[in-house]
Amino acid sequence: MGSTTPPDLELPQRLGPRPKKTPKSPREEQLHLLSSLAPVQTLARIIQPCYGPHQRQKFLVTAQGDIVCTGSAAAILRALQLEHPAARLVREAAQAQAESIGDGAAFVVLLAEALLEQAELLLRAGLARTQLREAYSTALAEVLATLPSLAIRALGPLEDPSWALCSVMNTHSLAHSDYLAKLVASACWTSKEPGGSFKPERIGVCALHGGTLWDSCLLPGLVTAMRPCGQVTAVLSGARVALFLCPFGPARPSAPATACLCSLEDFLMSKRESSGLIEKQVGQLADADISVAVVWGDVDAEALALADQRGIMVIRAESRREIVYLSEVLSTPLLTSLLPPLKPGRCQGVHLLKLGDREAMVFEWEHAGAPVLTVVLRGATAEVLRGAEEAVYQGIDTYAQLCEDPRLLPGAGSTEMALARVLSEKGGKLAGPEGPAFLAFARALRSLPKALAENAGLAVPHMMAEMSGTHEAGNFLVGVGSEGILNVDQEGVWDPLTAKAQGLRAAVEVVLTLLTVDEFVLAKANPRPQQTSNPDFVKPTGSLPPPARHRVSSDCKTRTTQARSEFPRSAWSLLRGLLAVPPPCPRRFEASGLVWAPGRCEGPGSGSVAQPSGGYVGLLYPASAGAPRPGPDRGRDVAGAEEAAGEGRLAAAFLGRD
């Protein structure tokens, strides 16, 4: 009697389990249905170690040969030289996230890679691309609708923001992150306008070598790593600032110029004219009451002496970024010539400040609203200063986001696990393409806390199982810590809601774009003309001579032996010029291994190379075979050509008339 037990649910053939076959060669490996998956996976493998507070550093070798040690995903993406369009598209989305939000570049790359990997599996299962795109869009809408319910904390208008900035800044600087967070929180709170608005550009960051991070401080005004060039080192009141993107002195044209001086009087006249021009330019600045000139370029000694006489402080900027930032703060334009600006920058005072063994320039002024402050960072190495500077900028950007939307989400991967649980519950109840797509989206979200656990050196399967069980029990405030799971509320690990939502949108948008791409087609590069290595070869610059002087007769015959197959096709392209103007002596073409030997033909030949009297013959033979033996006539005659052709040493024989 047959069994009445119903059979197990039969899956389609594409969804059923298949035995894994070990490919014998790389060619036997199964190709991806998504051509963009492989390059995005390669990019994600590079960025994954830089995700989270336990990120690892990378040594970057720039195009100039400089070595930079950094763990910032945005900096690594900028330094990478990518060729695949899909990888470039993902990098563009990650950089846009970092520029607009301040952080989240690694989040976008890893989530995009996980979504593409899940999309590959769904496509192999038979889901259409259009259905997959619609299902991913529906899943994103569900995720964005669930996010506000997970935001259980918010920054109050009169609350100290240091607790909200500490976890964000801890990602870039593990050492003294609490102290830096309090420093940034104090700067943001002080520079906040009375109306409640906050402008990040009112807070500057100055990194000075020497000391430790505990020596970092907050100073009023704008502090820059500049130095005065002359004797004037301070303007205590009523400073008027001009910014120049040119040398402070006589103009130096980019094209080389040589002065033609015939006598001593000409030299003295030229010197007086140059000195008069410099004195006129400095005098114009003094007449316009310019007391501070910031220059990004060379400073001439004579112009500097005149500026000292007029009481003008000349400051040389170390980088273009400093002078551009100073232009934004002072609201004065950057000039390309030594002319007084129509609207100079106004400061209460500019003076030199010594911090240990380092010097910096301080621009102070009084604003009607919020003051301008500078976070001065100290550190022993460039890597420490770079990490601290990135952490400070991240804290400033985070506070700007919290001023617009104060809601905070639990961090350390707990939000991703909570969203994955919601999508899994709804995906198991949905029919059609939305159900598998929701489950795939949930698996992609779980890959982010998995990456955090891998970077922390934890046992990933045990960690993920413990987190999943805790979230299924209803506690979504559990994330990934350095030694295991942690309580996000007790440890104070929070992420801004706006940053998380923007990162999800950016990752899904780039995935939806790549799902529509069927194939990447490269434009064929134009072939470059081959250049011969023979120094005797002269490329014709004009048109060929008239055909009346050296014309190839209509009854010209060519006999080619088997030796022709030994030479490249590029060698035969040289014959057109040789037939038009026969050279007076043999020439050797090193690039092709041929020798051209022209000659006269005084009498009729025999065989297939017969030629009337009064013509010429050109022989093309391999250099390794030796030249054809000459006959009784002048040059290389027809008899020699016939003999060489019979012996197989002749490549071609060209016959013609004068």
Foldseek 3Di string as FASTA:
>chain_A
DDDPDDDDDDAPPLPDDDDDDDDPDPVPDDDFQQPLLVVLVVLLVVLLQLDFLLHAWDWAQAPVRDTAIFSAPLVVLVRDDDDDPLSVLLNVLLNVLCVQQVDCSSVLSLLLNLLVVLVRSVVSSPDDLVLLLVLLVVLLVVLLVCLVVQQPDFDDLPDQCLLVLQQVLSSLAVPPSSVLSNQLSVQQVQQQWPVLAGDLLLEAEEEDEDDAQVLWHKDFFDKYQWAWDADQFKDQFWAWEAEEAAELFDHDDPDDDDDDDDDPVSVVVVVVVRLVVLLVLLVQCLVVVHAEYEYAYHYDPSSRVSSVVSNHTYMYHPDPVVRVSVCVVQVFDYHHDSHDGPGTGTFGMWHWDDDDPGIIIGTHHDDPTGTRMYTYGYHNDPNNSVSSVSSSSSSSSQVNLSSVPRTKGQDQLLSLQLSLVVLQVVLVVDDDSNNSSSNSSSVSSLVSLLSVCVSLVHDSVVQSVVQNVVVVVPDSQWHADSHGIDRRVVVSNIDDSVSVSSSSVSSSVSSSVSSPDSDDDDDDDDDDDDDFPDPPDDDDDDDFDDCVVQPFDPPKDKDFAPCQVVWDPVVVVVVVNCSRPPDPAWDAGVVTQKIKWKAAEQPFDDDPRTDHGAKIKIFIFGPVLDDQDDDPDPTRYPVSVVVCRVVVGTGMMIIGHD
